[in-house]
Structure formats: structure tokens, C-alpha cells
Amino acid sequence: MSNIIKFAVLLVGAILIALIVRVVIASATRPSGPPAVTTEKVQVSAADLPQGLLLRDEDLVWKQVPAAQIPPNAIISGAPNAPDLKGALLRHPVASGAVLVADDVILPSAPGFLAATLKPEMRAVSVAVDDVSGNAGLIQPGDYVDLLLTQQMDRRTDSPDMAVSSETVVEHVRVLAVGSEIKRPKNNATDAPETGSRARTVTLEVTPRMGEVVAVAARLGSLSLALRSFATVTRDPAAAAVTAASSSERSPIWAGDISRAVRDLPRSHKASASTNNAPPPVPRTVVIYRGSEKADGAGAQVTGAADGAPPLPTVASQR
């Protein structure tokens, strides 16, 4: 009987050991979870971007994308020789969130970049600026500006109210280059332009008609640039031609519209000006006395006087 019990105990032990081994082997061969997906941080568009746009930091974002879905020539973070798309020209419209590749843009270092930046039927014209009229060097390629003309009118008018005038001659034009720079600097302070190297010219993208306006305005007075906000209804460059048409409907601003002191200036020079335009005074009549007789000198005839000339007064002869 004892042998039967021993055999039963051994059999139960063997069964338990077999079950334990089976569970261990099954757990070891069972997959722990889905395989890990390798991702890379690539550069994508932050919004719907139109064709011909000069890219800036706000147009670009980084996004984690599975490695299997990354297209060739994509801009991968940390990749050697990865091009910097800031300041590059977009060749075609791009949807929001689309992965950007090198073939989507024309880099500023590419030959003919400035000519490629111009839209069809547009022109590039340069204007001279200084630290004040050029916004102290804070205007960069890709910005949109208005062009203001200021004239000294004191030599053309007698009214102090109209001694100085200012008007917007061109609206919503894109800056193509600042000096010889056609690429926006980075946002960190180390890339900010130095005071001694500020550009003296700004190149604008204009229509042929706008180019003629700018050329004439540069001879009439001083030009200033007014920086426009990026927060516009549309970023389509074609909107510039539409908004520029409204500038011709605006009235210029005169000195008297701004300064009360100019409006209160005395108008004494006006009185002197009107005096200069007064008719010449009538010559006095000379009366000649000869003893008890008197004669009107106006009726005297002078020998050799030209026809129509006023007669000279006759002086009484001395006796």
C-alpha cells in the first residue's frame, strides 16, 4: 500500500512540474505587446501656405512622423547637412501639416533666387532708406510694408497749413531684400544686424505701375517704410494689388491737420503778398505857376516822348 501512495505522490508531482514548465515556456514565447514604432522629428507646414511665400519661423513646425512614412528629402531634425527652410521660396501651395521636402522650396543660396521670388508681371525696385525711414533695420525680407511720401511744400504755397504733406503712395508690398540680404536672420540675438552694417536700400516687389509711382515719389520728397502686421485676412501675395488700389482714394495729411500751432500762425505774409499784387499808384498832377497864370503839367507835351507814355512834369523856368 505504501508503494501505491509513493507512486501516486510521484505522479502528482510530475504532473505539477510539467504544468509549471508549460506555463513558463508559454509566457516566455508569448509577445509582450505591439512592436515599438520608430519615429523621426520632421519639419512640416504650420498652416495652409500659398505659392511664392517667403517662409518664416511661424510657417514651420516640427512633428513626430513614423520613419516608414517619411518621404525622401524630408527635413529631419538633427540630420547632417539639413537645409534651413527659413527665408526659402515656396514653389507651390502646401496644405497644413504637410511634410516639407527640399524640392518644395528654392533656397536663398540658389542662383536666380531673387528673380524666382518675383511673381509673374511683377518688378523689383529699390528705394533708399536710413535708420529712421527704414524702421532702424527691423524690416526684413518677407515683410510687407507701405511706402509713405513726405514733401516740403513751403516753396510751393503761401499757406503754413500746407507747408508739409504726407501721403501713402504704395500699400502692402513685399520686401524682397534688405541691402544685399535676401534671407531673414534667425530670431536669436546673435544674428541681429549690427548698427554699423544696417542696409541703406530696400528692394520691394511692385507692379509696373507701382514702380513708376515709386520712381516719381523718390524725386518729390523723402520716402519712409511703414511695417504691416502679419495678422492679415489672407497671406496670398496676389492681395497686394487689390489693397494698393485704395491708396489713391485717400487724402494727404497736411501740416495744418496735425499741428494747431501751424494753424494759429499769423497770416501777415499774406497781407504783404496781396500788397505786392496791388495796381500801381496813379501819378500826381503837377501844377505850374507862371506869374498869375497856372497850367496843368499833365497836358504839357514833351518832345521825344514815345506814343502812349505818360508825360513828364514841366518845371517852371527860372527868371
C-alpha atoms as a PDB file:
ATOM      1  CA  MET A   1       0.000   0.000   0.000  1.00  0.00           C
ATOM      2  CA  SER A   2       2.813   2.316   0.802  1.00  0.00           C
ATOM      3  CA  ASN A   3       4.262   1.766  -2.672  1.00  0.00           C
ATOM      4  CA  ILE A   4       0.972   2.820  -4.254  1.00  0.00           C
ATOM      5  CA  ILE A   5       0.925   6.030  -2.197  1.00  0.00           C
ATOM      6  CA  LYS A   6       4.510   6.795  -3.103  1.00  0.00           C
ATOM      7  CA  PHE A   7       3.732   6.215  -6.792  1.00  0.00           C
ATOM      8  CA  ALA A   8       0.708   8.480  -6.606  1.00  0.00           C
ATOM      9  CA  VAL A   9       2.685  11.226  -4.934  1.00  0.00           C
ATOM     10  CA  LEU A  10       5.397  10.986  -7.566  1.00  0.00           C
ATOM     11  CA  LEU A  11       2.813  11.063 -10.347  1.00  0.00           C
ATOM     12  CA  VAL A  12       1.100  14.159  -8.933  1.00  0.00           C
ATOM     13  CA  GLY A  13       4.488  15.871  -8.513  1.00  0.00           C
ATOM     14  CA  ALA A  14       5.444  15.090 -12.084  1.00  0.00           C
ATOM     15  CA  ILE A  15       2.155  16.492 -13.348  1.00  0.00           C
ATOM     16  CA  LEU A  16       2.623  19.705 -11.332  1.00  0.00           C
ATOM     17  CA  ILE A  17       6.161  20.113 -12.584  1.00  0.00           C
ATOM     18  CA  ALA A  18       5.010  19.601 -16.169  1.00  0.00           C
ATOM     19  CA  LEU A  19       2.281  22.222 -15.771  1.00  0.00           C
ATOM     20  CA  ILE A  20       4.731  24.714 -14.289  1.00  0.00           C
ATOM     21  CA  VAL A  21       7.206  24.158 -17.095  1.00  0.00           C
ATOM     22  CA  ARG A  22       4.458  24.543 -19.679  1.00  0.00           C
ATOM     23  CA  VAL A  23       3.277  27.846 -18.177  1.00  0.00           C
ATOM     24  CA  VAL A  24       6.824  29.196 -18.056  1.00  0.00           C
ATOM     25  CA  ILE A  25       7.518  28.227 -21.651  1.00  0.00           C
ATOM     26  CA  ALA A  26       4.205  29.699 -22.830  1.00  0.00           C
ATOM     27  CA  SER A  27       4.785  33.001 -21.066  1.00  0.00           C
ATOM     28  CA  ALA A  28       8.272  33.218 -22.481  1.00  0.00           C
ATOM     29  CA  THR A  29       7.111  32.683 -26.046  1.00  0.00           C
ATOM     30  CA  ARG A  30       4.042  34.939 -25.802  1.00  0.00           C
ATOM     31  CA  PRO A  31       4.652  38.506 -27.275  1.00  0.00           C
ATOM     32  CA  SER A  32       4.661  41.222 -24.597  1.00  0.00           C
ATOM     33  CA  GLY A  33       2.923  43.869 -26.816  1.00  0.00           C
ATOM     34  CA  PRO A  34       2.948  45.539 -30.221  1.00  0.00           C
ATOM     35  CA  PRO A  35       6.402  46.246 -31.615  1.00  0.00           C
ATOM     36  CA  ALA A  36       7.771  49.756 -30.994  1.00  0.00           C
ATOM     37  CA  VAL A  37       7.390  52.163 -33.954  1.00  0.00           C
ATOM     38  CA  THR A  38      10.447  54.253 -34.806  1.00  0.00           C
ATOM     39  CA  THR A  39       9.619  57.933 -35.343  1.00  0.00           C
ATOM     40  CA  GLU A  40      11.614  60.925 -36.517  1.00  0.00           C
ATOM     41  CA  LYS A  41      11.054  64.646 -35.969  1.00  0.00           C
ATOM     42  CA  VAL A  42      10.500  66.253 -39.373  1.00  0.00           C
ATOM     43  CA  GLN A  43       9.599  69.773 -40.490  1.00  0.00           C
ATOM     44  CA  VAL A  44       6.006  70.364 -41.616  1.00  0.00           C
ATOM     45  CA  SER A  45       3.928  73.414 -42.565  1.00  0.00           C
ATOM     46  CA  ALA A  46       2.148  75.166 -39.708  1.00  0.00           C
ATOM     47  CA  ALA A  47      -0.764  76.353 -41.891  1.00  0.00           C
ATOM     48  CA  ASP A  48      -2.026  76.428 -45.471  1.00  0.00           C
ATOM     49  CA  LEU A  49       0.763  78.230 -47.312  1.00  0.00           C
ATOM     50  CA  PRO A  50       0.347  79.861 -50.751  1.00  0.00           C
ATOM     51  CA  GLN A  51       2.729  79.603 -53.653  1.00  0.00           C
ATOM     52  CA  GLY A  52       5.532  82.159 -53.760  1.00  0.00           C
ATOM     53  CA  LEU A  53       5.649  82.670 -49.988  1.00  0.00           C
ATOM     54  CA  LEU A  54       8.933  83.507 -48.298  1.00  0.00           C
ATOM     55  CA  LEU A  55       8.938  81.130 -45.336  1.00  0.00           C
ATOM     56  CA  ARG A  56       9.467  82.416 -41.798  1.00  0.00           C
ATOM     57  CA  ASP A  57       9.682  80.689 -38.423  1.00  0.00           C
ATOM     58  CA  GLU A  58       5.942  80.865 -37.815  1.00  0.00           C
ATOM     59  CA  ASP A  59       5.274  78.908 -41.019  1.00  0.00           C
ATOM     60  CA  LEU A  60       7.296  75.880 -39.916  1.00  0.00           C
ATOM     61  CA  VAL A  61       6.849  73.389 -37.053  1.00  0.00           C
ATOM     62  CA  TRP A  62       8.432  70.084 -36.044  1.00  0.00           C
ATOM     63  CA  LYS A  63       6.307  66.919 -35.907  1.00  0.00           C
ATOM     64  CA  GLN A  64       6.967  63.291 -34.953  1.00  0.00           C
ATOM     65  CA  VAL A  65       6.342  61.115 -38.022  1.00  0.00           C
ATOM     66  CA  PRO A  66       6.802  57.317 -38.339  1.00  0.00           C
ATOM     67  CA  ALA A  67      10.026  56.540 -40.139  1.00  0.00           C
ATOM     68  CA  ALA A  68       8.212  54.442 -42.716  1.00  0.00           C
ATOM     69  CA  GLN A  69       6.043  57.417 -43.714  1.00  0.00           C
ATOM     70  CA  ILE A  70       8.816  59.981 -44.113  1.00  0.00           C
ATOM     71  CA  PRO A  71       9.211  60.952 -47.802  1.00  0.00           C
ATOM     72  CA  PRO A  72      12.653  61.260 -49.385  1.00  0.00           C
ATOM     73  CA  ASN A  73      14.467  64.616 -48.967  1.00  0.00           C
ATOM     74  CA  ALA A  74      12.382  65.478 -45.886  1.00  0.00           C
ATOM     75  CA  ILE A  75      13.941  67.888 -43.372  1.00  0.00           C
ATOM     76  CA  ILE A  76      14.793  65.658 -40.372  1.00  0.00           C
ATOM     77  CA  SER A  77      15.840  67.247 -37.101  1.00  0.00           C
ATOM     78  CA  GLY A  78      19.489  66.633 -36.326  1.00  0.00           C
ATOM     79  CA  ALA A  79      20.262  65.242 -39.760  1.00  0.00           C
ATOM     80  CA  PRO A  80      23.644  66.299 -41.166  1.00  0.00           C
ATOM     81  CA  ASN A  81      23.535  68.928 -43.921  1.00  0.00           C
ATOM     82  CA  ALA A  82      19.800  69.507 -43.383  1.00  0.00           C
ATOM     83  CA  PRO A  83      18.830  72.725 -45.232  1.00  0.00           C
ATOM     84  CA  ASP A  84      17.352  75.660 -43.339  1.00  0.00           C
ATOM     85  CA  LEU A  85      14.000  76.485 -44.932  1.00  0.00           C
ATOM     86  CA  LYS A  86      13.636  79.865 -43.275  1.00  0.00           C
ATOM     87  CA  GLY A  87      13.650  82.546 -45.971  1.00  0.00           C
ATOM     88  CA  ALA A  88      13.199  79.978 -48.741  1.00  0.00           C
ATOM     89  CA  LEU A  89      10.645  80.498 -51.522  1.00  0.00           C
ATOM     90  CA  LEU A  90       7.724  78.068 -51.694  1.00  0.00           C
ATOM     91  CA  ARG A  91       7.377  76.618 -55.185  1.00  0.00           C
ATOM     92  CA  HIS A  92       3.711  75.544 -54.873  1.00  0.00           C
ATOM     93  CA  PRO A  93       0.839  75.706 -52.344  1.00  0.00           C
ATOM     94  CA  VAL A  94       1.239  73.449 -49.297  1.00  0.00           C
ATOM     95  CA  ALA A  95      -1.531  72.184 -47.032  1.00  0.00           C
ATOM     96  CA  SER A  96      -1.351  72.500 -43.259  1.00  0.00           C
ATOM     97  CA  GLY A  97       0.651  69.701 -41.649  1.00  0.00           C
ATOM     98  CA  ALA A  98       2.264  68.557 -44.902  1.00  0.00           C
ATOM     99  CA  VAL A  99       5.840  67.329 -44.662  1.00  0.00           C
ATOM    100  CA  LEU A 100       8.174  69.749 -46.433  1.00  0.00           C
ATOM    101  CA  VAL A 101      10.954  68.447 -48.642  1.00  0.00           C
ATOM    102  CA  ALA A 102      13.847  70.202 -50.310  1.00  0.00           C
ATOM    103  CA  ASP A 103      12.097  70.118 -53.697  1.00  0.00           C
ATOM    104  CA  ASP A 104       9.195  72.195 -52.330  1.00  0.00           C
ATOM    105  CA  VAL A 105      11.312  75.335 -51.945  1.00  0.00           C
ATOM    106  CA  ILE A 106      14.000  77.424 -53.613  1.00  0.00           C
ATOM    107  CA  LEU A 107      16.752  78.189 -51.127  1.00  0.00           C
ATOM    108  CA  PRO A 108      18.119  81.753 -50.878  1.00  0.00           C
ATOM    109  CA  SER A 109      21.559  80.463 -51.836  1.00  0.00           C
ATOM    110  CA  ALA A 110      20.273  79.101 -55.158  1.00  0.00           C
ATOM    111  CA  PRO A 111      21.210  81.031 -58.337  1.00  0.00           C
ATOM    112  CA  GLY A 112      18.451  83.303 -59.582  1.00  0.00           C
ATOM    113  CA  PHE A 113      16.616  83.221 -56.267  1.00  0.00           C
ATOM    114  CA  LEU A 114      15.591  86.894 -56.438  1.00  0.00           C
ATOM    115  CA  ALA A 115      14.231  86.569 -59.980  1.00  0.00           C
ATOM    116  CA  ALA A 116      12.372  83.403 -58.958  1.00  0.00           C
ATOM    117  CA  THR A 117      10.900  85.265 -55.989  1.00  0.00           C
ATOM    118  CA  LEU A 118       9.134  87.721 -58.295  1.00  0.00           C
ATOM    119  CA  LYS A 119       5.638  86.728 -59.299  1.00  0.00           C
ATOM    120  CA  PRO A 120       4.663  86.956 -62.990  1.00  0.00           C
ATOM    121  CA  GLU A 121       4.321  90.547 -64.265  1.00  0.00           C
ATOM    122  CA  MET A 122       5.916  91.930 -61.090  1.00  0.00           C
ATOM    123  CA  ARG A 123       9.057  94.042 -60.782  1.00  0.00           C
ATOM    124  CA  ALA A 124      11.759  94.631 -58.173  1.00  0.00           C
ATOM    125  CA  VAL A 125      12.522  98.252 -57.300  1.00  0.00           C
ATOM    126  CA  SER A 126      14.937  99.561 -54.666  1.00  0.00           C
ATOM    127  CA  VAL A 127      14.447 102.636 -52.501  1.00  0.00           C
ATOM    128  CA  ALA A 128      16.974 104.424 -50.330  1.00  0.00           C
ATOM    129  CA  VAL A 129      16.333 104.344 -46.574  1.00  0.00           C
ATOM    130  CA  ASP A 130      18.069 105.499 -43.420  1.00  0.00           C
ATOM    131  CA  ASP A 131      17.813 104.377 -39.790  1.00  0.00           C
ATOM    132  CA  VAL A 132      14.526 106.230 -39.330  1.00  0.00           C
ATOM    133  CA  SER A 133      12.756 105.672 -42.649  1.00  0.00           C
ATOM    134  CA  GLY A 134      13.831 102.017 -42.672  1.00  0.00           C
ATOM    135  CA  ASN A 135      12.477 101.254 -39.169  1.00  0.00           C
ATOM    136  CA  ALA A 136      16.004 101.109 -37.708  1.00  0.00           C
ATOM    137  CA  GLY A 137      16.865  97.981 -39.674  1.00  0.00           C
ATOM    138  CA  LEU A 138      13.989  95.960 -38.219  1.00  0.00           C
ATOM    139  CA  ILE A 139      12.334  95.354 -41.603  1.00  0.00           C
ATOM    140  CA  GLN A 140      13.419  92.013 -43.047  1.00  0.00           C
ATOM    141  CA  PRO A 141      12.890  90.105 -46.320  1.00  0.00           C
ATOM    142  CA  GLY A 142       9.398  88.663 -46.482  1.00  0.00           C
ATOM    143  CA  ASP A 143       7.784  91.530 -44.548  1.00  0.00           C
ATOM    144  CA  TYR A 144       5.004  93.647 -46.031  1.00  0.00           C
ATOM    145  CA  VAL A 145       5.234  97.432 -45.922  1.00  0.00           C
ATOM    146  CA  ASP A 146       3.540 100.648 -47.024  1.00  0.00           C
ATOM    147  CA  LEU A 147       5.519 103.423 -48.692  1.00  0.00           C
ATOM    148  CA  LEU A 148       4.980 106.958 -47.340  1.00  0.00           C
ATOM    149  CA  LEU A 149       5.976 110.146 -49.175  1.00  0.00           C
ATOM    150  CA  THR A 150       6.697 113.317 -47.167  1.00  0.00           C
ATOM    151  CA  GLN A 151       7.134 116.632 -49.008  1.00  0.00           C
ATOM    152  CA  GLN A 152       8.168 120.144 -48.014  1.00  0.00           C
ATOM    153  CA  MET A 153       5.591 122.395 -49.662  1.00  0.00           C
ATOM    154  CA  ASP A 154       6.639 125.792 -48.247  1.00  0.00           C
ATOM    155  CA  ARG A 155       8.177 126.843 -51.594  1.00  0.00           C
ATOM    156  CA  ARG A 156       5.010 125.937 -53.456  1.00  0.00           C
ATOM    157  CA  THR A 157       2.391 127.579 -51.252  1.00  0.00           C
ATOM    158  CA  ASP A 158       1.963 130.648 -49.047  1.00  0.00           C
ATOM    159  CA  SER A 159      -0.206 128.811 -46.500  1.00  0.00           C
ATOM    160  CA  PRO A 160       1.535 127.497 -43.356  1.00  0.00           C
ATOM    161  CA  ASP A 161      -1.213 124.876 -43.090  1.00  0.00           C
ATOM    162  CA  MET A 162       0.131 123.283 -46.267  1.00  0.00           C
ATOM    163  CA  ALA A 163       3.868 123.659 -45.596  1.00  0.00           C
ATOM    164  CA  VAL A 164       4.366 119.889 -45.159  1.00  0.00           C
ATOM    165  CA  SER A 165       2.378 116.997 -46.598  1.00  0.00           C
ATOM    166  CA  SER A 166       2.470 113.230 -46.126  1.00  0.00           C
ATOM    167  CA  GLU A 167       0.646 110.537 -48.039  1.00  0.00           C
ATOM    168  CA  THR A 168       0.751 106.797 -48.650  1.00  0.00           C
ATOM    169  CA  VAL A 169       1.716 106.206 -52.264  1.00  0.00           C
ATOM    170  CA  VAL A 170       2.056 102.384 -52.247  1.00  0.00           C
ATOM    171  CA  GLU A 171       0.385  99.852 -49.940  1.00  0.00           C
ATOM    172  CA  HIS A 172       1.020  96.226 -48.997  1.00  0.00           C
ATOM    173  CA  VAL A 173       4.170  95.497 -50.984  1.00  0.00           C
ATOM    174  CA  ARG A 174       6.521  92.660 -50.141  1.00  0.00           C
ATOM    175  CA  VAL A 175      10.138  93.246 -49.148  1.00  0.00           C
ATOM    176  CA  LEU A 176      12.407  91.095 -51.306  1.00  0.00           C
ATOM    177  CA  ALA A 177      15.776  92.161 -49.956  1.00  0.00           C
ATOM    178  CA  VAL A 178      17.296  94.484 -47.383  1.00  0.00           C
ATOM    179  CA  GLY A 179      20.588  95.713 -48.736  1.00  0.00           C
ATOM    180  CA  SER A 180      22.167  92.605 -50.249  1.00  0.00           C
ATOM    181  CA  GLU A 181      20.442  90.242 -47.784  1.00  0.00           C
ATOM    182  CA  ILE A 182      17.620  88.171 -49.257  1.00  0.00           C
ATOM    183  CA  LYS A 183      17.245  85.862 -46.243  1.00  0.00           C
ATOM    184  CA  ARG A 184      15.658  86.655 -42.901  1.00  0.00           C
ATOM    185  CA  PRO A 185      18.022  86.447 -39.895  1.00  0.00           C
ATOM    186  CA  LYS A 186      17.327  83.980 -37.116  1.00  0.00           C
ATOM    187  CA  ASN A 187      15.344  85.027 -34.074  1.00  0.00           C
ATOM    188  CA  ASN A 188      18.229  84.867 -31.619  1.00  0.00           C
ATOM    189  CA  ALA A 189      20.117  87.971 -30.636  1.00  0.00           C
ATOM    190  CA  THR A 190      23.430  86.837 -32.105  1.00  0.00           C
ATOM    191  CA  ASP A 191      22.027  87.129 -35.623  1.00  0.00           C
ATOM    192  CA  ALA A 192      20.587  90.612 -35.179  1.00  0.00           C
ATOM    193  CA  PRO A 193      22.032  93.170 -37.591  1.00  0.00           C
ATOM    194  CA  GLU A 194      24.762  95.358 -36.222  1.00  0.00           C
ATOM    195  CA  THR A 195      24.296  99.099 -36.002  1.00  0.00           C
ATOM    196  CA  GLY A 196      27.177  99.837 -38.359  1.00  0.00           C
ATOM    197  CA  SER A 197      26.018  97.386 -41.023  1.00  0.00           C
ATOM    198  CA  ARG A 198      22.421  98.491 -41.475  1.00  0.00           C
ATOM    199  CA  ALA A 199      21.308  98.470 -45.067  1.00  0.00           C
ATOM    200  CA  ARG A 200      20.757 101.698 -46.977  1.00  0.00           C
ATOM    201  CA  THR A 201      18.421 100.241 -49.610  1.00  0.00           C
ATOM    202  CA  VAL A 202      15.314  98.092 -49.520  1.00  0.00           C
ATOM    203  CA  THR A 203      14.109  96.158 -52.567  1.00  0.00           C
ATOM    204  CA  LEU A 204      10.324  95.904 -52.979  1.00  0.00           C
ATOM    205  CA  GLU A 205       8.113  93.755 -55.186  1.00  0.00           C
ATOM    206  CA  VAL A 206       5.787  96.043 -57.144  1.00  0.00           C
ATOM    207  CA  THR A 207       3.677  96.138 -60.256  1.00  0.00           C
ATOM    208  CA  PRO A 208       4.998  98.122 -63.243  1.00  0.00           C
ATOM    209  CA  ARG A 209       2.639 100.982 -62.344  1.00  0.00           C
ATOM    210  CA  MET A 210       3.790 100.957 -58.722  1.00  0.00           C
ATOM    211  CA  GLY A 211       7.388 101.090 -59.920  1.00  0.00           C
ATOM    212  CA  GLU A 212       6.672 104.323 -61.792  1.00  0.00           C
ATOM    213  CA  VAL A 213       4.955 105.758 -58.709  1.00  0.00           C
ATOM    214  CA  VAL A 214       7.962 104.918 -56.529  1.00  0.00           C
ATOM    215  CA  ALA A 215      10.394 106.456 -59.035  1.00  0.00           C
ATOM    216  CA  VAL A 216       8.480 109.758 -59.126  1.00  0.00           C
ATOM    217  CA  ALA A 217       7.904 109.800 -55.364  1.00  0.00           C
ATOM    218  CA  ALA A 218      11.639 109.410 -54.734  1.00  0.00           C
ATOM    219  CA  ARG A 219      12.235 112.703 -56.595  1.00  0.00           C
ATOM    220  CA  LEU A 220       9.418 114.597 -54.925  1.00  0.00           C
ATOM    221  CA  GLY A 221      10.430 114.114 -51.298  1.00  0.00           C
ATOM    222  CA  SER A 222      11.602 111.638 -48.680  1.00  0.00           C
ATOM    223  CA  LEU A 223      10.297 108.065 -48.531  1.00  0.00           C
ATOM    224  CA  SER A 224       9.566 106.083 -45.371  1.00  0.00           C
ATOM    225  CA  LEU A 225       8.584 102.456 -44.841  1.00  0.00           C
ATOM    226  CA  ALA A 226       5.669 101.520 -42.592  1.00  0.00           C
ATOM    227  CA  LEU A 227       5.770  97.882 -41.477  1.00  0.00           C
ATOM    228  CA  ARG A 228       2.475  95.996 -41.799  1.00  0.00           C
ATOM    229  CA  SER A 229       1.293  93.260 -39.459  1.00  0.00           C
ATOM    230  CA  PHE A 230       1.395  89.607 -40.450  1.00  0.00           C
ATOM    231  CA  ALA A 231      -2.094  89.262 -38.940  1.00  0.00           C
ATOM    232  CA  THR A 232      -3.917  89.821 -42.220  1.00  0.00           C
ATOM    233  CA  VAL A 233      -7.045  88.206 -43.584  1.00  0.00           C
ATOM    234  CA  THR A 234      -5.072  86.420 -46.280  1.00  0.00           C
ATOM    235  CA  ARG A 235      -1.405  85.810 -46.892  1.00  0.00           C
ATOM    236  CA  ASP A 236      -1.869  85.415 -50.612  1.00  0.00           C
ATOM    237  CA  PRO A 237       0.647  87.764 -52.296  1.00  0.00           C
ATOM    238  CA  ALA A 238      -1.936  88.496 -55.019  1.00  0.00           C
ATOM    239  CA  ALA A 239      -3.898  90.530 -52.464  1.00  0.00           C
ATOM    240  CA  ALA A 240      -1.252  93.268 -52.612  1.00  0.00           C
ATOM    241  CA  ALA A 241      -2.503  94.578 -55.953  1.00  0.00           C
ATOM    242  CA  VAL A 242      -6.045  94.836 -54.614  1.00  0.00           C
ATOM    243  CA  THR A 243      -5.183  96.662 -51.408  1.00  0.00           C
ATOM    244  CA  ALA A 244      -2.793  99.036 -53.169  1.00  0.00           C
ATOM    245  CA  ALA A 245      -5.647 100.445 -55.261  1.00  0.00           C
ATOM    246  CA  SER A 246      -7.209 102.014 -52.179  1.00  0.00           C
ATOM    247  CA  SER A 247      -4.197 104.278 -51.570  1.00  0.00           C
ATOM    248  CA  SER A 248      -5.196 106.590 -54.421  1.00  0.00           C
ATOM    249  CA  GLU A 249      -8.538 107.306 -52.711  1.00  0.00           C
ATOM    250  CA  ARG A 250      -7.015 108.639 -49.504  1.00  0.00           C
ATOM    251  CA  SER A 251      -6.466 112.346 -48.940  1.00  0.00           C
ATOM    252  CA  PRO A 252      -2.956 113.523 -47.996  1.00  0.00           C
ATOM    253  CA  ILE A 253      -2.201 114.741 -44.472  1.00  0.00           C
ATOM    254  CA  TRP A 254      -1.126 118.388 -44.252  1.00  0.00           C
ATOM    255  CA  ALA A 255       0.812 120.253 -41.595  1.00  0.00           C
ATOM    256  CA  GLY A 256      -2.316 122.111 -40.537  1.00  0.00           C
ATOM    257  CA  ASP A 257      -4.143 118.822 -39.976  1.00  0.00           C
ATOM    258  CA  ILE A 258      -1.615 117.802 -37.322  1.00  0.00           C
ATOM    259  CA  SER A 259      -0.266 120.957 -35.673  1.00  0.00           C
ATOM    260  CA  ARG A 260      -2.510 123.512 -34.046  1.00  0.00           C
ATOM    261  CA  ALA A 261       0.492 125.815 -33.801  1.00  0.00           C
ATOM    262  CA  VAL A 262       0.773 125.846 -37.579  1.00  0.00           C
ATOM    263  CA  ARG A 263      -2.922 126.644 -37.911  1.00  0.00           C
ATOM    264  CA  ASP A 264      -2.536 129.561 -35.460  1.00  0.00           C
ATOM    265  CA  LEU A 265       0.417 131.164 -37.239  1.00  0.00           C
ATOM    266  CA  PRO A 266      -0.181 134.827 -38.168  1.00  0.00           C
ATOM    267  CA  ARG A 267      -1.038 135.479 -41.771  1.00  0.00           C
ATOM    268  CA  SER A 268       0.992 138.735 -42.045  1.00  0.00           C
ATOM    269  CA  HIS A 269       2.908 137.472 -45.059  1.00  0.00           C
ATOM    270  CA  LYS A 270      -0.401 137.068 -46.848  1.00  0.00           C
ATOM    271  CA  ALA A 271      -1.124 140.777 -46.444  1.00  0.00           C
ATOM    272  CA  SER A 272       2.287 141.688 -47.807  1.00  0.00           C
ATOM    273  CA  ALA A 273       1.737 139.333 -50.702  1.00  0.00           C
ATOM    274  CA  SER A 274      -1.575 140.990 -51.506  1.00  0.00           C
ATOM    275  CA  THR A 275       0.101 144.422 -51.328  1.00  0.00           C
ATOM    276  CA  ASN A 276       2.642 143.338 -53.895  1.00  0.00           C
ATOM    277  CA  ASN A 277      -0.181 142.405 -56.237  1.00  0.00           C
ATOM    278  CA  ALA A 278      -1.952 145.836 -55.886  1.00  0.00           C
ATOM    279  CA  PRO A 279      -2.209 148.090 -59.002  1.00  0.00           C
ATOM    280  CA  PRO A 280       0.469 150.763 -59.375  1.00  0.00           C
ATOM    281  CA  PRO A 281      -0.403 154.176 -57.859  1.00  0.00           C
ATOM    282  CA  VAL A 282      -1.726 156.937 -60.090  1.00  0.00           C
ATOM    283  CA  PRO A 283       0.948 159.623 -60.747  1.00  0.00           C
ATOM    284  CA  ARG A 284       0.314 163.029 -59.187  1.00  0.00           C
ATOM    285  CA  THR A 285      -0.570 166.003 -61.358  1.00  0.00           C
ATOM    286  CA  VAL A 286       1.957 168.864 -61.324  1.00  0.00           C
ATOM    287  CA  VAL A 287       0.578 172.439 -61.413  1.00  0.00           C
ATOM    288  CA  ILE A 288       2.878 175.072 -62.959  1.00  0.00           C
ATOM    289  CA  TYR A 289       2.569 178.700 -61.916  1.00  0.00           C
ATOM    290  CA  ARG A 290       3.801 181.478 -64.218  1.00  0.00           C
ATOM    291  CA  GLY A 291       3.100 184.745 -62.511  1.00  0.00           C
ATOM    292  CA  SER A 292      -0.679 184.978 -62.139  1.00  0.00           C
ATOM    293  CA  GLU A 293      -1.237 182.091 -64.560  1.00  0.00           C
ATOM    294  CA  LYS A 294      -1.262 178.418 -63.761  1.00  0.00           C
ATOM    295  CA  ALA A 295      -1.237 175.411 -66.043  1.00  0.00           C
ATOM    296  CA  ASP A 296      -1.712 171.642 -65.552  1.00  0.00           C
ATOM    297  CA  GLY A 297       1.567 169.891 -66.224  1.00  0.00           C
ATOM    298  CA  ALA A 298      -0.269 166.760 -67.332  1.00  0.00           C
ATOM    299  CA  GLY A 299      -1.249 168.471 -70.539  1.00  0.00           C
ATOM    300  CA  ALA A 300       2.276 169.539 -71.399  1.00  0.00           C
ATOM    301  CA  GLN A 301       3.870 167.910 -74.363  1.00  0.00           C
ATOM    302  CA  VAL A 302       7.371 166.609 -74.082  1.00  0.00           C
ATOM    303  CA  THR A 303       9.499 166.401 -77.179  1.00  0.00           C
ATOM    304  CA  GLY A 304      10.729 162.886 -77.996  1.00  0.00           C
ATOM    305  CA  ALA A 305       8.241 161.068 -75.748  1.00  0.00           C
ATOM    306  CA  ALA A 306       7.063 157.713 -77.001  1.00  0.00           C
ATOM    307  CA  ASP A 307       3.427 157.302 -78.015  1.00  0.00           C
ATOM    308  CA  GLY A 308       1.285 156.200 -75.103  1.00  0.00           C
ATOM    309  CA  ALA A 309       3.938 157.106 -72.495  1.00  0.00           C
ATOM    310  CA  PRO A 310       2.829 159.359 -69.593  1.00  0.00           C
ATOM    311  CA  PRO A 311       4.076 162.968 -69.966  1.00  0.00           C
ATOM    312  CA  LEU A 312       6.797 164.216 -67.681  1.00  0.00           C
ATOM    313  CA  PRO A 313       6.002 167.161 -65.376  1.00  0.00           C
ATOM    314  CA  THR A 314       7.140 170.570 -66.603  1.00  0.00           C
ATOM    315  CA  VAL A 315       9.385 172.550 -64.281  1.00  0.00           C
ATOM    316  CA  ALA A 316       8.896 176.320 -64.143  1.00  0.00           C
ATOM    317  CA  SER A 317      11.682 178.227 -65.809  1.00  0.00           C
ATOM    318  CA  GLN A 318      13.758 180.451 -63.657  1.00  0.00           C
ATOM    319  CA  ARG A 319      13.785 184.124 -64.487  1.00  0.00           C
END
